[in-house]
Every structure is written in structure tokens, then in C-alpha cells.
Amino acid sequence: MKYSSLTDAMLYLLESSGTSLSDKQIAEQIEAQKLWKRPSDGKYPHESQIRRRASHTPFSVSRGIVSLKLGAVDSYARLCRITYNEEQWHKPSEHEWREKYQGNSEKAFENQYGFGGEEWLFNPVFLFDGYQYGVIRGLEDLPKRITLVPQVYLYSLDQVSKKRYFVGAIKNVEIFQSGSKDDITAQKLWNAYKKQMTADILEASGDPKGLKLIRPSIRFLPEDVTFLNPVLEVEAFQQRKYNRFIPKKVTASIKELLEKLLPEDRLIIKAGKAKTSGKYTRTTEKIETTVERLHSDITNTLYDYLNKFEDKHKTLSVELTKFGSNIADGVLEYNDGRISIFEAKTSGNLRRNLREAIGQLMDYAFWYNSHPIKSLVIISPIQLSGNSLEAFHRLQKSISVSIEYWQYVPGVPLKSAFVKIV
């Protein structure tokens, strides 16, 4: 497939032809040129699906003839700031705010009301008919003729640490105006969950009066989202011009920077170890507490252990290699091309560690198909025994890939730091 979405395929055909096309012509050309298949069943779209898609921006359709609205597609990719969030943009995080700031346009909305409209941006309750509805501040202020932005890059500013983070990108963001069909749909969704949104705001110690000032004005397909987990700090955004919530035109240099941060479409095993420290300092109510970073202790020790005792490996990567947008704790590539993937969990609850690690390792193992899996390895400081051990044995017998459990033992010689339970 040449395109990741039906919108992209239709845009390509209409722009390259320079004229309107019938829904039948578009369907035939998509199949003939192998431009796009439905992810649900792997089939090419029928002309009826073309008509349904053409009924929304940036297209128009009349008697089966599909046209591209003049000037509807933004000529630029846009860089947009969204409210900082620690809940995966499913519900508001807590922000410092003052009632006296309300109505002051020089203050960020979250500093006026304690929340921002983007904080529900990826909440699936606002998914309808395949589209996610929400808010990206500033896009509604673009010229009204623009109804589709081909690429929106998202970043956020943590007002406590003052750090700027690259959040990800969304392709083909549609902008709709008040009173449109999509606006009516969005308002129905918004109103249906307003009670829950109010509860979310109160839970984050915000002021729900601000909710009436926010109107959803964009929609996008979830499959067009590339969300970074974790988000990545970008020093290039430290300039003051990146403080405002305006959709900035993306320059060539910024695009080059951001594209390098987005996930690769293939597995690239990066040798080495991420720069981490064994401890960090947390300040809570003016009391500084030094907290042991057990996870970093495990990954640092793992790097040294594998380097010394795994002599048939080609590449060792600790907290550097991505599977999609997610970074694995450890990847060991062997000389024969196989890889082992390691995931460390530090909770005091063994079953929680197993559930989380198994899910992540399975996700990593099948995200790409370029490297055969030698083994998936769960690392935890808790001994595997009793019912958990029996369940793990059943898991090993039931799946096609090798999975192991290593217990981490701190404060011992390196050779004894990991006990391979199963």
C-alpha cells in the first residue's frame, strides 16, 4: 500500500488528475495503483465508501462526482502546543491556576481554569463513526477555507519544570465550523459526557466553569495518530515563540528534527545505554526526598551483565531501541540475527509485574517481523513461586515464543545479580 489512509489516497488522485473524478473512477484507480486497503478486511474500498468519505472535508460530492474544495487543504504542516498532561491526554492533570486570571488572554487557559481543552484529546469516549473528536487550540483560528491540515505535530510545555516535550503527530486533521454536521456530532458527544468531564476537572482541582468556553472543532482517525510514549524533551522548543497556542508553520529544519523523533517503520537496534542515573531527587511540600530508582538500577546492571556474560551477541541496547513509539528496556541482538527482549518491572505486586511485562513483551515481539525472537525476558525483584510459577509454566507451554523470568538481586556480585527462575 502506498498510503496509510483513504483520505491520502483520494487527495493524491484528485490532485494528480487536476480535475474531479467519479466515485467509481477513484475506487478503480485505488485498486489499480494499489493505493490503499481497508485495515479491517484487507480489501480495496468500494465506490460507496468513496462517496461516504467524500461527504466530509476537504472533499465535496454531487451525483457521484468527487471534487477537492478549493483551498481546503492547508499548504503547510502545523506545529501546535497542547496543554501538558500526565494522563495520556485522557483526562485533565492538575495545574496551577488563579481565579483572578480568568478572562486574561495573556494567561494560558489551564492557568485560568486549571485544565485545557486538549486534555481529553485521545480519550476514546469521544470516538464516533471511526473518528476521534476533540480540541487542538489554535487550529480553529486558521482561515475558514482551510478544513484539513495534512500533518499536525504536537508539543507540550510542563509549566513546573519549564521543559518542552514532543508528544507526537496526527495526519489529516479535519477542522469543522460551528453549525456543520460534524460540529453537531461533536456537540452531542461533548454534552453526553459533560458530567464526567466536570468530575474529571474537579478531580484535578480545576474550575469546571471553563468548560462552557471550550468547543470541539477537530476530528481525526485514530490510525493517523503517532503518539510517543514516553514523550521526548526537545530543547529546540525553549524559545519564547513556542510559548503560545498558535498553529505554527513547520519549517524544513523543524520538520527534519521531528521526523527523526517519530518511530521508524522498521526495527533499528541502537547500541549502547541511555543516560540515566541511579537516583533522583523529588521535592514534595518543600521536603527533598532521595528516592532509589530501582528500575534504573536494574537496567544499568542488566547492561553490564549482558555485556560480560553474553559473548555471542552482536548488539546490546538498553532503553534506546523503539518498537513503534515505545522503548524496550533491553534488546540483545545475536550473531545469527535473533533477538531477546527484556522488560523490567519494579512493583511490589508480582502479578501486576507479570501482567504488565507480558503485555509489553508480546507487543514488542510482534510489532516487526524482521528479527526472529530468541526469548522474551521479564525481570523483577520478586521471586516467582507458588501459583504464579505454575501459571508461568502454563504460559510457556501455550505460546510459540520462548519467555523467561529473571529475578533481580541487588547488592551482590554482578554474576549473581540475576537469578534465572524459568
Protein backbone atom coordinates (compact mmCIF):
# COMPACT_ATOMS: atom_id res chain seq x y z
CA MET A 1 0.00 0.00 0.00
CA LYS A 2 1.25 3.46 -0.88
CA TYR A 3 -0.93 5.40 1.58
CA SER A 4 -1.91 4.86 5.19
CA SER A 5 -5.41 6.33 4.85
CA LEU A 6 -8.22 6.62 2.33
CA THR A 7 -8.04 10.41 2.61
CA ASP A 8 -4.41 10.42 1.46
CA ALA A 9 -5.19 8.15 -1.48
CA MET A 10 -8.12 10.31 -2.61
CA LEU A 11 -6.10 13.51 -2.23
CA TYR A 12 -3.34 12.02 -4.37
CA LEU A 13 -5.73 11.02 -7.18
CA LEU A 14 -7.63 14.32 -7.25
CA GLU A 15 -4.51 16.49 -7.03
CA SER A 16 -2.57 14.50 -9.64
CA SER A 17 -5.50 14.43 -12.08
CA GLY A 18 -6.19 18.15 -11.69
CA THR A 19 -9.91 17.57 -12.07
CA SER A 20 -12.94 15.98 -10.42
CA LEU A 21 -13.38 12.22 -10.60
CA SER A 22 -16.35 9.93 -10.15
CA ASP A 23 -16.53 7.71 -7.08
CA LYS A 24 -16.23 4.72 -9.43
CA GLN A 25 -13.08 6.12 -11.06
CA ILE A 26 -11.49 6.75 -7.68
CA ALA A 27 -12.31 3.24 -6.45
CA GLU A 28 -10.93 1.71 -9.66
CA GLN A 29 -7.70 3.74 -9.52
CA ILE A 30 -7.11 2.97 -5.85
CA GLU A 31 -7.25 -0.73 -6.68
CA ALA A 32 -5.31 -0.46 -9.96
CA GLN A 33 -2.49 1.53 -8.33
CA LYS A 34 -2.73 -0.40 -5.06
CA LEU A 35 -3.00 2.83 -3.09
CA TRP A 36 -4.96 1.74 -0.01
CA LYS A 37 -6.79 -1.22 1.54
CA ARG A 38 -9.21 -1.29 4.44
CA PRO A 39 -7.35 -2.35 7.61
CA SER A 40 -10.45 -4.24 8.79
CA ASP A 41 -10.56 -6.81 5.98
CA GLY A 42 -7.65 -6.05 3.64
CA LYS A 43 -9.98 -5.19 0.72
CA TYR A 44 -9.95 -2.19 -1.58
CA PRO A 45 -12.70 0.39 -0.93
CA HIS A 46 -15.98 0.21 -2.83
CA GLU A 47 -17.35 3.33 -4.52
CA SER A 48 -19.97 3.62 -1.76
CA GLN A 49 -17.15 4.06 0.77
CA ILE A 50 -15.61 6.70 -1.51
CA ARG A 51 -18.92 8.60 -1.51
CA ARG A 52 -19.18 8.46 2.28
CA ARG A 53 -15.65 9.79 2.70
CA ALA A 54 -16.23 12.47 0.05
CA SER A 55 -19.17 13.85 2.02
CA HIS A 56 -16.69 15.27 4.53
CA THR A 57 -13.98 17.91 4.32
CA PRO A 58 -11.87 18.60 2.27
CA PHE A 59 -13.98 16.96 -0.44
CA SER A 60 -17.38 17.60 -1.92
CA VAL A 61 -19.56 15.13 -3.81
CA SER A 62 -22.51 15.67 -6.13
CA ARG A 63 -24.21 12.90 -8.12
CA GLY A 64 -21.22 10.65 -7.62
CA ILE A 65 -18.66 13.24 -8.78
CA VAL A 66 -15.98 13.93 -6.17
CA SER A 67 -14.13 17.25 -6.07
CA LEU A 68 -11.48 18.79 -3.87
CA LYS A 69 -12.63 22.04 -2.30
CA LEU A 70 -10.51 24.97 -3.45
CA GLY A 71 -8.01 25.97 -0.77
CA ALA A 72 -9.43 23.45 1.71
CA VAL A 73 -6.11 21.67 2.30
CA ASP A 74 -3.55 23.63 4.28
CA SER A 75 -0.33 24.20 2.35
CA TYR A 76 1.73 23.69 5.49
CA ALA A 77 2.25 21.15 8.21
CA ARG A 78 1.50 22.78 11.57
CA LEU A 79 3.21 22.70 14.94
CA CYS A 80 0.71 23.07 17.79
CA ARG A 81 1.16 23.39 21.52
CA ILE A 82 -1.30 21.39 23.61
CA THR A 83 -1.88 21.55 27.36
CA TYR A 84 0.63 19.50 29.35
CA ASN A 85 -0.86 16.28 30.66
CA GLU A 86 0.22 13.28 32.74
CA GLU A 87 -2.84 11.13 32.00
CA GLN A 88 -2.10 10.23 28.36
CA TRP A 89 -4.48 13.05 27.34
CA HIS A 90 -7.45 11.02 28.53
CA LYS A 91 -8.44 13.38 31.36
CA PRO A 92 -7.03 16.54 32.98
CA SER A 93 -3.90 16.65 35.10
CA GLU A 94 -3.56 19.14 37.94
CA HIS A 95 -2.33 22.64 37.01
CA GLU A 96 -1.63 25.79 38.97
CA TRP A 97 -4.39 28.34 38.32
CA ARG A 98 -5.86 31.53 39.75
CA GLU A 99 -9.44 32.73 39.52
CA LYS A 100 -8.15 36.28 39.07
CA TYR A 101 -6.57 35.18 35.77
CA GLN A 102 -9.92 34.19 34.26
CA GLY A 103 -10.63 36.20 31.14
CA ASN A 104 -6.99 37.29 30.80
CA SER A 105 -5.91 36.26 27.30
CA GLU A 106 -2.26 36.69 28.28
CA LYS A 107 -2.58 33.68 30.58
CA ALA A 108 -2.78 30.09 29.37
CA PHE A 109 -6.26 28.61 29.70
CA GLU A 110 -5.05 25.99 32.19
CA ASN A 111 -3.75 28.81 34.41
CA GLN A 112 -7.20 30.41 34.30
CA TYR A 113 -9.33 27.32 34.98
CA GLY A 114 -6.96 24.51 35.93
CA PHE A 115 -7.43 22.44 32.78
CA GLY A 116 -7.13 22.66 29.00
CA GLY A 117 -9.43 21.50 26.23
CA GLU A 118 -6.80 19.17 24.76
CA GLU A 119 -6.68 17.03 27.90
CA TRP A 120 -9.37 14.68 26.51
CA LEU A 121 -7.77 14.62 23.04
CA PHE A 122 -7.15 10.85 22.97
CA ASN A 123 -10.00 9.76 25.26
CA PRO A 124 -11.87 7.02 23.34
CA VAL A 125 -15.29 8.10 24.64
CA PHE A 126 -15.10 10.88 22.04
CA LEU A 127 -14.74 8.37 19.22
CA PHE A 128 -17.72 8.24 16.85
CA ASP A 129 -18.12 6.51 13.50
CA GLY A 130 -14.38 5.87 13.33
CA TYR A 131 -13.33 9.47 14.11
CA GLN A 132 -11.89 10.97 17.28
CA TYR A 133 -13.39 14.40 18.10
CA GLY A 134 -11.64 16.99 20.21
CA VAL A 135 -9.77 20.25 20.61
CA ILE A 136 -6.38 21.46 19.41
CA ARG A 137 -6.27 25.10 20.34
CA GLY A 138 -5.41 27.47 17.51
CA LEU A 139 -6.47 25.31 14.57
CA GLU A 140 -9.96 26.84 14.64
CA ASP A 141 -8.31 30.24 14.06
CA LEU A 142 -6.87 29.24 10.69
CA PRO A 143 -8.64 30.78 7.65
CA LYS A 144 -12.12 29.28 7.39
CA ARG A 145 -11.41 27.95 3.89
CA ILE A 146 -8.87 25.51 5.43
CA THR A 147 -10.70 22.39 6.54
CA LEU A 148 -7.86 19.86 6.54
CA VAL A 149 -4.28 20.06 7.82
CA PRO A 150 -2.23 17.19 6.32
CA GLN A 151 0.15 16.93 9.28
CA VAL A 152 -0.06 18.35 12.80
CA TYR A 153 2.92 17.97 15.12
CA LEU A 154 2.12 18.27 18.83
CA TYR A 155 4.28 19.55 21.66
CA SER A 156 3.62 20.50 25.26
CA LEU A 157 5.13 22.70 27.96
CA ASP A 158 5.42 21.49 31.55
CA GLN A 159 4.96 24.76 33.44
CA VAL A 160 6.55 23.32 36.58
CA SER A 161 9.83 22.09 35.09
CA LYS A 162 9.65 24.52 32.11
CA LYS A 163 10.61 21.64 29.83
CA ARG A 164 9.10 21.29 26.34
CA TYR A 165 8.09 17.86 25.08
CA PHE A 166 7.35 16.45 21.65
CA VAL A 167 4.11 14.49 22.00
CA GLY A 168 3.62 13.07 18.51
CA ALA A 169 1.87 13.76 15.22
CA ILE A 170 -1.57 13.43 13.65
CA LYS A 171 -2.18 13.17 9.93
CA ASN A 172 -5.19 14.63 8.14
CA VAL A 173 -6.72 16.67 10.96
CA GLU A 174 -10.12 17.93 9.86
CA ILE A 175 -11.39 21.30 11.09
CA PHE A 176 -15.12 21.97 11.17
CA GLN A 177 -17.06 25.16 11.75
CA SER A 178 -19.92 25.89 14.11
CA GLY A 179 -23.25 24.59 12.82
CA SER A 180 -21.76 22.00 10.47
CA LYS A 181 -22.78 18.34 10.51
CA ASP A 182 -19.54 17.37 12.24
CA ASP A 183 -19.98 20.17 14.78
CA ILE A 184 -23.44 18.85 15.68
CA THR A 185 -21.96 15.36 16.17
CA ALA A 186 -19.14 16.75 18.31
CA GLN A 187 -21.52 18.77 20.48
CA LYS A 188 -23.68 15.69 21.10
CA LEU A 189 -20.61 13.74 22.21
CA TRP A 190 -19.41 16.64 24.36
CA ASN A 191 -22.80 17.04 26.04
CA ALA A 192 -23.20 13.30 26.61
CA TYR A 193 -20.00 13.23 28.67
CA LYS A 194 -20.15 16.71 30.20
CA LYS A 195 -21.00 15.29 33.62
CA GLN A 196 -17.94 13.03 33.51
CA MET A 197 -15.77 15.86 32.19
CA THR A 198 -16.91 18.03 35.09
CA ALA A 199 -15.94 15.26 37.50
CA ASP A 200 -12.55 14.94 35.76
CA ILE A 201 -11.93 18.67 36.20
CA LEU A 202 -12.88 18.62 39.87
CA GLU A 203 -10.64 15.60 40.45
CA ALA A 204 -7.77 17.67 39.04
CA SER A 205 -8.75 20.59 41.34
CA GLY A 206 -9.84 22.74 38.39
CA ASP A 207 -12.80 25.05 37.81
CA PRO A 208 -15.48 23.44 35.59
CA LYS A 209 -16.94 26.86 34.72
CA GLY A 210 -14.31 26.98 31.98
CA LEU A 211 -15.89 24.00 30.22
CA LYS A 212 -18.53 26.21 28.59
CA LEU A 213 -15.73 28.18 26.89
CA ILE A 214 -14.36 25.16 25.03
CA ARG A 215 -15.84 23.83 21.80
CA PRO A 216 -14.55 20.75 19.96
CA SER A 217 -13.61 21.76 16.43
CA ILE A 218 -11.43 18.99 15.00
CA ARG A 219 -11.59 15.31 14.23
CA PHE A 220 -9.15 12.67 13.01
CA LEU A 221 -8.80 8.93 12.53
CA PRO A 222 -7.09 7.15 15.45
CA GLU A 223 -4.95 5.19 12.98
CA ASP A 224 -3.48 8.51 11.80
CA VAL A 225 -2.05 9.23 15.27
CA THR A 226 1.58 8.65 16.19
CA PHE A 227 1.77 9.07 19.97
CA LEU A 228 5.15 8.98 21.68
CA ASN A 229 5.38 7.03 24.90
CA PRO A 230 7.24 8.43 26.67
CA VAL A 231 7.10 11.95 25.27
CA LEU A 232 10.51 13.37 24.34
CA GLU A 233 12.10 16.57 25.61
CA VAL A 234 13.07 18.93 22.76
CA GLU A 235 15.46 21.74 23.64
CA ALA A 236 14.79 23.47 20.30
CA PHE A 237 11.36 24.48 21.65
CA GLN A 238 12.81 26.50 24.55
CA GLN A 239 12.45 29.80 22.67
CA ARG A 240 9.66 32.17 23.76
CA LYS A 241 7.90 31.89 20.41
CA TYR A 242 6.93 28.35 21.41
CA ASN A 243 5.00 29.56 24.47
CA ARG A 244 1.83 30.45 22.57
CA PHE A 245 -1.04 28.23 21.44
CA ILE A 246 -0.87 29.12 17.76
CA PRO A 247 -0.53 26.69 14.82
CA LYS A 248 2.97 27.50 13.60
CA LYS A 249 4.07 26.71 10.07
CA VAL A 250 6.62 23.91 10.20
CA THR A 251 9.97 24.91 8.76
CA ALA A 252 12.21 22.44 6.95
CA SER A 253 14.64 22.30 9.88
CA ILE A 254 11.91 21.66 12.46
CA LYS A 255 10.32 19.01 10.26
CA GLU A 256 13.66 17.24 9.88
CA LEU A 257 14.14 17.31 13.66
CA LEU A 258 10.66 15.99 14.46
CA GLU A 259 10.62 13.29 11.79
CA LYS A 260 13.80 11.86 13.31
CA LEU A 261 11.99 11.58 16.65
CA LEU A 262 8.98 9.76 15.21
CA PRO A 263 9.02 5.94 15.20
CA GLU A 264 10.77 4.12 12.40
CA ASP A 265 8.77 1.79 10.18
CA ARG A 266 11.41 -0.88 10.77
CA LEU A 267 13.38 -2.14 13.74
CA ILE A 268 16.61 -0.23 14.32
CA ILE A 269 18.59 -1.64 17.24
CA LYS A 270 20.60 1.21 18.73
CA ALA A 271 23.72 0.03 20.51
CA GLY A 272 24.54 1.40 23.94
CA LYS A 273 22.73 2.52 27.06
CA ALA A 274 20.51 5.52 27.67
CA LYS A 275 21.88 8.15 30.03
CA THR A 276 20.12 7.54 33.34
CA SER A 277 21.06 7.95 36.97
CA GLY A 278 20.53 5.54 39.83
CA LYS A 279 18.72 8.13 41.95
CA TYR A 280 16.64 11.24 41.56
CA THR A 281 15.52 13.96 43.92
CA ARG A 282 11.82 14.60 44.41
CA THR A 283 10.57 17.74 46.14
CA THR A 284 7.22 17.45 47.89
CA GLU A 285 5.95 20.26 50.13
CA LYS A 286 9.50 21.64 50.34
CA ILE A 287 10.87 18.36 51.67
CA GLU A 288 13.52 16.81 49.47
CA THR A 289 13.48 13.06 49.45
CA THR A 290 16.05 10.94 47.65
CA VAL A 291 14.27 8.00 46.08
CA GLU A 292 16.03 4.89 44.85
CA ARG A 293 15.36 4.39 41.17
CA LEU A 294 15.13 0.63 41.21
CA HIS A 295 14.23 0.46 37.53
CA SER A 296 17.42 2.29 36.56
CA ASP A 297 19.45 0.08 38.90
CA ILE A 298 18.07 -2.97 37.11
CA THR A 299 18.70 -1.68 33.59
CA ASN A 300 22.19 -0.42 34.42
CA THR A 301 23.09 -3.77 35.97
CA LEU A 302 21.50 -5.61 33.05
CA TYR A 303 23.70 -3.73 30.60
CA ASP A 304 26.86 -4.69 32.48
CA TYR A 305 25.67 -8.27 32.99
CA LEU A 306 24.81 -8.95 29.34
CA ASN A 307 27.97 -7.25 28.13
CA LYS A 308 30.10 -9.51 30.29
CA PHE A 309 28.29 -12.84 30.22
CA GLU A 310 26.54 -12.97 26.81
CA ASP A 311 29.51 -13.45 24.49
CA LYS A 312 27.65 -14.38 21.28
CA HIS A 313 25.77 -11.14 20.84
CA LYS A 314 26.16 -8.61 18.06
CA THR A 315 24.38 -5.57 19.53
CA LEU A 316 23.29 -4.67 23.07
CA SER A 317 20.75 -1.89 23.53
CA VAL A 318 19.36 -0.68 26.87
CA GLU A 319 16.49 1.83 26.86
CA LEU A 320 17.35 3.01 23.34
CA THR A 321 15.52 0.75 20.89
CA LYS A 322 11.95 1.55 19.86
CA PHE A 323 9.18 -0.79 18.82
CA GLY A 324 6.91 1.73 17.16
CA SER A 325 6.89 4.64 19.61
CA ASN A 326 7.65 2.53 22.69
CA ILE A 327 11.14 1.94 24.06
CA ALA A 328 12.09 -1.51 25.31
CA ASP A 329 14.15 -1.80 28.48
CA GLY A 330 16.65 -4.06 26.76
CA VAL A 331 17.29 -5.67 23.38
CA LEU A 332 20.08 -8.15 22.70
CA GLU A 333 20.80 -8.99 19.07
CA TYR A 334 22.71 -12.22 18.48
CA ASN A 335 25.13 -13.03 15.69
CA ASP A 336 22.51 -15.21 13.97
CA GLY A 337 20.04 -12.29 13.72
CA ARG A 338 17.72 -13.38 16.54
CA ILE A 339 16.89 -11.00 19.37
CA SER A 340 15.97 -11.26 23.03
CA ILE A 341 13.82 -8.51 24.54
CA PHE A 342 13.93 -7.59 28.23
CA GLU A 343 11.31 -5.78 30.31
CA ALA A 344 11.91 -4.78 33.94
CA LYS A 345 9.08 -4.26 36.44
CA THR A 346 9.57 -2.96 39.97
CA SER A 347 6.15 -3.12 41.64
CA GLY A 348 5.84 -5.00 44.92
CA ASN A 349 2.91 -6.87 43.38
CA LEU A 350 4.21 -9.87 41.44
CA ARG A 351 1.04 -10.47 39.43
CA ARG A 352 0.95 -6.84 38.36
CA ASN A 353 4.55 -7.11 37.19
CA LEU A 354 3.73 -10.22 35.17
CA ARG A 355 0.58 -8.78 33.58
CA GLU A 356 2.29 -5.57 32.51
CA ALA A 357 5.51 -7.15 31.31
CA ILE A 358 3.85 -9.96 29.35
CA GLY A 359 1.64 -7.49 27.51
CA GLN A 360 4.54 -5.23 26.62
CA LEU A 361 6.84 -8.04 25.54
CA MET A 362 4.18 -9.57 23.30
CA ASP A 363 3.58 -6.16 21.74
CA TYR A 364 7.30 -5.72 21.05
CA ALA A 365 7.76 -9.27 19.77
CA PHE A 366 5.17 -8.96 17.01
CA TRP A 367 5.44 -5.27 16.14
CA TYR A 368 8.03 -6.00 13.46
CA ASN A 369 8.77 -9.24 11.63
CA SER A 370 12.37 -8.58 10.63
CA HIS A 371 14.09 -10.35 13.55
CA PRO A 372 13.20 -13.81 14.91
CA ILE A 373 12.71 -13.88 18.67
CA LYS A 374 15.15 -15.92 20.75
CA SER A 375 13.49 -15.12 24.06
CA LEU A 376 11.30 -12.64 25.93
CA VAL A 377 12.59 -11.93 29.44
CA ILE A 378 10.70 -10.50 32.41
CA ILE A 379 12.88 -9.04 35.16
CA SER A 380 11.53 -8.31 38.64
CA PRO A 381 12.96 -8.16 42.17
CA ILE A 382 10.28 -10.59 43.41
CA GLN A 383 10.80 -14.34 43.45
CA LEU A 384 8.48 -16.32 41.19
CA SER A 385 6.89 -19.15 43.17
CA GLY A 386 3.64 -20.91 44.08
CA ASN A 387 0.59 -20.23 41.92
CA SER A 388 2.46 -17.61 39.90
CA LEU A 389 5.18 -20.09 38.99
CA GLU A 390 2.62 -22.71 37.97
CA ALA A 391 0.74 -20.15 35.85
CA PHE A 392 4.01 -19.11 34.22
CA HIS A 393 4.79 -22.72 33.30
CA ARG A 394 1.35 -22.99 31.65
CA LEU A 395 2.04 -19.79 29.74
CA GLN A 396 5.37 -21.14 28.48
CA LYS A 397 3.66 -24.27 27.15
CA SER A 398 0.86 -22.31 25.48
CA ILE A 399 2.72 -19.73 23.38
CA SER A 400 5.04 -20.14 20.42
CA VAL A 401 7.81 -17.84 21.64
CA SER A 402 10.22 -18.52 24.49
CA ILE A 403 9.50 -16.47 27.62
CA GLU A 404 11.65 -16.38 30.77
CA TYR A 405 11.54 -14.87 34.26
CA TRP A 406 14.67 -13.46 35.89
CA GLN A 407 14.76 -12.29 39.49
CA TYR A 408 16.93 -9.25 40.15
CA VAL A 409 19.04 -9.43 43.32
CA PRO A 410 20.57 -6.07 44.36
CA GLY A 411 23.82 -5.63 46.24
CA VAL A 412 25.52 -8.85 45.11
CA PRO A 413 28.41 -9.55 42.69
CA LEU A 414 27.47 -8.95 39.05
CA LYS A 415 27.47 -12.65 38.16
CA SER A 416 24.76 -13.29 40.78
CA ALA A 417 22.64 -10.19 40.08
CA PHE A 418 20.06 -12.12 38.04
CA VAL A 419 18.58 -15.48 39.02
CA LYS A 420 17.02 -17.19 36.01
CA ILE A 421 13.96 -18.77 37.64
CA VAL A 422 12.39 -20.24 34.48
